[in-house]
N, C-alpha and C. Protein backbone atom coordinates (compact mmCIF):
# COMPACT_ATOMS: atom_id res chain seq x y z
N UNK A 1 -14.38 18.70 10.35
CA UNK A 1 -13.25 17.41 10.48
C UNK A 1 -12.41 19.52 10.14
N UNK A 2 -11.51 19.16 11.46
CA UNK A 2 -10.88 20.41 10.39
C UNK A 2 -9.52 20.04 9.64
N UNK A 3 -8.18 20.71 9.26
CA UNK A 3 -7.64 20.23 7.99
C UNK A 3 -6.69 20.44 9.66
N UNK A 4 -6.54 20.41 10.92
CA UNK A 4 -5.47 20.19 12.07
C UNK A 4 -6.26 18.65 12.32
N UNK A 5 -7.28 18.45 12.09
CA UNK A 5 -7.09 16.43 12.69
C UNK A 5 -6.59 16.29 11.57
N UNK A 6 -7.20 16.24 9.80
CA UNK A 6 -6.91 15.58 9.31
C UNK A 6 -6.25 15.69 8.82
N UNK A 7 -4.65 16.55 8.68
CA UNK A 7 -2.62 16.23 9.26
C UNK A 7 -2.67 15.08 10.62
N UNK A 8 -3.02 15.25 11.40
CA UNK A 8 -2.57 14.55 12.13
C UNK A 8 -3.04 13.26 12.06
N UNK A 9 -3.73 13.11 11.13
CA UNK A 9 -4.48 11.83 11.04
C UNK A 9 -3.75 11.28 10.02
N UNK A 10 -3.17 11.31 9.09
CA UNK A 10 -2.33 11.38 8.10
C UNK A 10 -0.40 10.91 8.82
N UNK A 11 -0.60 11.65 9.36
CA UNK A 11 1.07 11.52 10.21
C UNK A 11 1.00 10.64 11.44
N UNK A 12 0.02 9.86 11.88
CA UNK A 12 -0.44 9.49 12.29
C UNK A 12 -0.03 8.11 11.35
N UNK A 13 -0.84 7.85 10.06
CA UNK A 13 -1.06 6.96 9.56
C UNK A 13 0.50 6.77 8.81
N UNK A 14 0.73 7.75 8.30
CA UNK A 14 2.09 7.83 8.34
C UNK A 14 3.21 6.77 9.27
N UNK A 15 3.06 7.92 10.09
CA UNK A 15 3.85 7.44 11.23
C UNK A 15 3.36 5.10 11.20
N UNK A 16 2.80 4.73 11.02
CA UNK A 16 2.15 3.63 11.16
C UNK A 16 2.92 2.74 10.47
N UNK A 17 2.46 3.01 8.67
CA UNK A 17 3.62 2.65 7.47
C UNK A 17 4.82 3.21 7.83
N UNK A 18 5.40 3.32 7.84
CA UNK A 18 7.07 3.59 8.62
C UNK A 18 7.23 1.95 9.67
N UNK A 19 6.61 2.69 10.77
CA UNK A 19 7.20 1.67 11.69
C UNK A 19 6.40 -0.28 11.73
N UNK A 20 5.58 0.10 11.35
CA UNK A 20 4.80 -1.36 11.20
C UNK A 20 4.91 -2.16 9.41
N UNK A 21 5.65 -1.52 8.71
CA UNK A 21 5.22 -2.11 7.69
C UNK A 21 6.56 -2.77 7.37
N UNK A 22 7.54 -2.75 8.37
CA UNK A 22 8.83 -3.81 8.18
C UNK A 22 8.48 -5.37 8.88
N UNK A 23 7.58 -5.28 9.55
CA UNK A 23 6.70 -6.45 10.18
C UNK A 23 6.49 -7.12 9.14
N UNK A 24 5.64 -6.61 8.00
CA UNK A 24 4.65 -7.11 7.23
C UNK A 24 4.94 -8.64 6.83
N UNK A 25 4.01 -10.03 6.94
CA UNK A 25 4.48 -10.70 6.60
C UNK A 25 4.75 -11.46 6.33
N UNK A 26 6.20 -12.17 5.53
CA UNK A 26 6.41 -12.77 4.30
C UNK A 26 6.00 -13.38 3.18
N UNK A 27 5.07 -13.71 3.75
CA UNK A 27 4.70 -16.13 3.76
C UNK A 27 3.03 -14.76 2.30
N UNK A 28 2.82 -15.77 1.85
CA UNK A 28 1.70 -15.37 0.74
C UNK A 28 0.79 -15.53 1.44
N UNK A 29 -1.19 -14.58 0.91
CA UNK A 29 -1.85 -14.24 1.61
C UNK A 29 -2.28 -15.23 1.63
N UNK A 30 -3.49 -15.19 1.45
CA UNK A 30 -4.56 -16.68 1.65
C UNK A 30 -5.19 -17.61 0.38
N UNK A 31 -5.74 -16.36 -0.35
CA UNK A 31 -6.25 -17.17 -1.39
C UNK A 31 -5.55 -17.46 -2.40
N UNK A 32 -4.19 -16.77 -2.62
CA UNK A 32 -2.41 -17.01 -3.11
C UNK A 32 -1.83 -18.51 -2.58
N UNK A 33 -2.74 -18.98 -1.10
CA UNK A 33 -1.73 -20.19 -0.81
C UNK A 33 -2.14 -20.76 -1.46
N UNK A 34 -3.57 -21.21 -1.05
CA UNK A 34 -4.70 -22.07 -1.84
C UNK A 34 -4.64 -22.43 -3.03
N UNK A 35 -4.37 -20.80 -4.36
CA UNK A 35 -3.72 -21.80 -5.28
C UNK A 35 -2.50 -22.39 -5.17
N UNK A 36 -2.05 -21.06 -4.91
CA UNK A 36 -0.85 -23.04 -4.69
C UNK A 36 -0.36 -23.73 -4.46
N UNK A 37 -1.53 -24.65 -3.61
CA UNK A 37 -2.12 -26.42 -2.45
C UNK A 37 -2.93 -26.37 -3.23
N UNK A 38 -3.38 -25.80 -4.47
CA UNK A 38 -4.80 -26.71 -5.52
C UNK A 38 -4.15 -26.54 -6.21
N UNK A 39 -3.01 -26.08 -7.34
CA UNK A 39 -2.12 -26.14 -8.32
C UNK A 39 -2.56 -25.48 -8.79
N UNK A 40 -3.00 -24.26 -9.00
CA UNK A 40 -4.01 -23.29 -10.29
C UNK A 40 -3.17 -22.28 -10.30
N UNK A 41 -1.77 -21.84 -9.35
CA UNK A 41 -0.90 -20.65 -8.77
C UNK A 41 -0.71 -19.85 -10.05
N UNK A 42 -0.25 -20.45 -11.58
CA UNK A 42 -0.17 -20.65 -12.69
C UNK A 42 -0.72 -20.00 -13.19
N UNK A 43 -2.13 -20.26 -13.19
CA UNK A 43 -3.35 -19.85 -14.55
C UNK A 43 -3.37 -18.35 -14.21
N UNK A 44 -3.52 -17.66 -12.37
CA UNK A 44 -3.62 -16.66 -12.90
C UNK A 44 -2.38 -15.43 -13.21
N UNK A 45 -1.52 -16.27 -13.28
CA UNK A 45 0.16 -15.55 -13.73
C UNK A 45 -0.56 -14.85 -15.26
N UNK A 46 -0.33 -13.44 -15.90
CA UNK A 46 -0.54 -13.05 -16.52
C UNK A 46 -0.01 -11.80 -16.58
N UNK A 47 0.52 -10.80 -18.01
CA UNK A 47 1.26 -10.22 -17.33
C UNK A 47 0.89 -8.47 -17.10
N UNK A 48 0.83 -7.85 -15.86
CA UNK A 48 -0.30 -6.68 -15.81
C UNK A 48 -0.99 -5.95 -16.00
N UNK A 49 -2.32 -5.23 -16.83
CA UNK A 49 -2.47 -3.99 -17.45
C UNK A 49 -1.24 -2.83 -17.16
N UNK A 50 -1.12 -2.82 -15.66
CA UNK A 50 -0.48 -1.43 -15.39
C UNK A 50 0.89 -2.39 -14.48
N UNK A 51 2.68 -2.08 -14.83
CA UNK A 51 3.37 -2.21 -14.21
C UNK A 51 3.56 -1.22 -12.53
N UNK A 52 2.99 -1.90 -11.96
CA UNK A 52 3.29 -1.28 -10.66
C UNK A 52 4.67 -1.26 -10.46
N UNK A 53 4.45 0.29 -9.98
CA UNK A 53 6.02 1.04 -8.94
C UNK A 53 7.40 0.49 -8.39
N UNK A 54 6.54 -0.15 -7.33
CA UNK A 54 7.28 -1.00 -6.15
C UNK A 54 6.25 -2.36 -6.44
N UNK A 55 6.85 -3.05 -6.97
CA UNK A 55 6.45 -4.58 -7.16
C UNK A 55 7.00 -5.11 -5.32
N UNK A 56 6.23 -6.55 -5.08
CA UNK A 56 6.00 -7.40 -3.89
C UNK A 56 6.81 -6.00 -2.67
N UNK A 57 6.40 -5.05 -2.52
CA UNK A 57 7.02 -3.97 -1.27
C UNK A 57 8.33 -3.41 -1.75
N UNK A 58 8.77 -3.83 -2.84
CA UNK A 58 10.69 -3.79 -3.09
C UNK A 58 10.51 -2.61 -3.50
N UNK A 59 11.29 -1.44 -2.95
CA UNK A 59 11.24 -0.49 -3.49
C UNK A 59 12.81 -0.02 -4.05
N UNK A 60 12.22 0.51 -5.54
CA UNK A 60 13.59 -0.26 -6.52
C UNK A 60 14.83 0.81 -5.76
N UNK A 61 16.10 -0.08 -6.34
CA UNK A 61 17.36 1.07 -5.41
C UNK A 61 18.03 0.51 -4.18
N UNK A 62 16.57 0.10 -3.14
CA UNK A 62 16.98 0.34 -1.56
C UNK A 62 17.30 -1.59 -1.48
N UNK A 63 18.30 -1.35 -0.83
CA UNK A 63 19.01 -2.49 -0.96
C UNK A 63 18.72 -3.46 0.97
N UNK A 64 17.84 -2.45 2.06
CA UNK A 64 17.38 -3.13 3.01
C UNK A 64 16.10 -3.30 2.84
N UNK A 65 16.11 -4.15 2.55
CA UNK A 65 14.60 -5.23 2.71
C UNK A 65 13.15 -3.80 3.83
N UNK A 66 13.65 -4.14 4.98
CA UNK A 66 12.73 -2.87 5.66
C UNK A 66 12.71 -2.05 4.71
N UNK A 67 13.44 -1.01 4.89
CA UNK A 67 14.09 0.64 4.57
C UNK A 67 12.68 0.11 3.21
N UNK A 68 12.83 -0.18 2.25
CA UNK A 68 12.24 -0.50 1.28
C UNK A 68 11.01 -0.81 0.93
N UNK A 69 10.47 -1.79 2.35
CA UNK A 69 9.23 -2.30 3.00
C UNK A 69 8.66 -1.47 3.64
N UNK A 70 9.35 0.06 3.93
CA UNK A 70 8.74 0.94 5.00
C UNK A 70 8.28 2.27 4.26
N UNK A 71 9.37 2.88 3.15
CA UNK A 71 9.44 3.47 1.52
C UNK A 71 7.41 3.45 0.38
N UNK A 72 7.53 1.31 0.76
CA UNK A 72 6.43 1.39 0.39
C UNK A 72 5.48 1.80 0.86
N UNK A 73 5.38 1.67 2.16
CA UNK A 73 4.06 1.56 2.58
C UNK A 73 4.04 2.66 3.00
N UNK A 74 5.00 4.33 3.06
CA UNK A 74 4.56 5.23 3.52
C UNK A 74 4.30 5.78 2.08
N UNK A 75 4.38 5.11 1.44
CA UNK A 75 3.61 6.21 -0.10
C UNK A 75 2.99 5.17 -1.03
N UNK A 76 2.41 3.85 -0.77
CA UNK A 76 1.16 3.16 -0.57
C UNK A 76 0.12 4.53 0.59
N UNK A 77 0.04 4.68 1.72
CA UNK A 77 -0.59 5.76 2.55
C UNK A 77 -0.84 6.88 1.74
N UNK A 78 0.43 7.19 1.29
CA UNK A 78 0.14 9.07 0.65
C UNK A 78 -0.79 8.87 -0.57
N UNK A 79 -0.64 7.46 -0.87
CA UNK A 79 -1.47 7.35 -2.87
C UNK A 79 -3.52 7.43 -2.17
N UNK A 80 -2.94 6.75 -0.73
CA UNK A 80 -4.32 5.99 -0.54
C UNK A 80 -5.32 7.44 -0.22
N UNK A 81 -4.51 8.18 0.94
CA UNK A 81 -4.80 9.65 1.46
C UNK A 81 -4.85 10.43 0.15
N UNK A 82 -4.24 10.77 -0.88
CA UNK A 82 -4.22 11.95 -2.41
C UNK A 82 -6.21 11.38 -2.29
N UNK A 83 -6.19 9.71 -2.84
CA UNK A 83 -7.28 9.28 -3.06
C UNK A 83 -8.96 9.98 -3.08
N UNK A 84 -8.40 9.42 -1.47
CA UNK A 84 -9.67 9.82 -0.69
C UNK A 84 -9.82 10.92 -0.96
N UNK A 85 -8.57 12.19 0.18
CA UNK A 85 -8.70 13.40 -0.38
C UNK A 85 -9.85 14.50 -1.35
N UNK A 86 -9.22 13.14 -3.03
CA UNK A 86 -9.92 14.33 -3.53
C UNK A 86 -10.96 13.33 -3.45
N UNK A 87 -11.52 12.72 -4.04
CA UNK A 87 -12.61 11.46 -3.83
C UNK A 87 -13.70 12.54 -3.10
N UNK A 88 -13.31 12.84 -1.64
CA UNK A 88 -13.46 14.16 -1.19
C UNK A 88 -14.10 15.58 -1.85
N UNK A 89 -13.18 15.95 -1.73
CA UNK A 89 -13.64 17.24 -2.51
C UNK A 89 -14.42 16.65 -3.70
N UNK A 90 -14.03 16.20 -4.19
CA UNK A 90 -14.77 15.55 -5.37
C UNK A 90 -17.07 16.25 -5.57
N UNK A 91 -16.86 15.17 -4.06
CA UNK A 91 -18.71 15.20 -3.17
C UNK A 91 -19.06 15.48 -2.32
N UNK A 92 -18.52 16.60 -1.94
CA UNK A 92 -18.47 17.71 -0.74
C UNK A 92 -19.47 19.15 -0.75
N UNK A 93 -19.93 18.81 -0.64
CA UNK A 93 -21.28 19.93 -0.78
C UNK A 93 -20.72 20.73 -0.87
N UNK A 94 -21.04 22.04 -1.93
CA UNK A 94 -21.12 23.17 -1.56
C UNK A 94 -21.96 24.03 -0.77
N UNK A 95 -21.02 24.91 0.05
CA UNK A 95 -21.93 25.70 0.38
C UNK A 95 -22.80 27.13 -0.07
């Protein structure tokens, strides 16, 4: 796979993050819902080891909720891409 293909894939992923992130469900995921229904949700609420730069997909300082969510989706896509790129660089075979 050449760099042009990788950049196209990144571009498509960023476009999808931009367009689809604002439509993310506001409801809790399955595990959170079960914990809420069974009454033990608060037992899992502890101080995080690391604070999130974008808590609850709401970009700090951005008042428009959809724009904040889209920004968080783009940031997440770039972070995952960067981690994958770095990992691939570490494990690729030397020629």
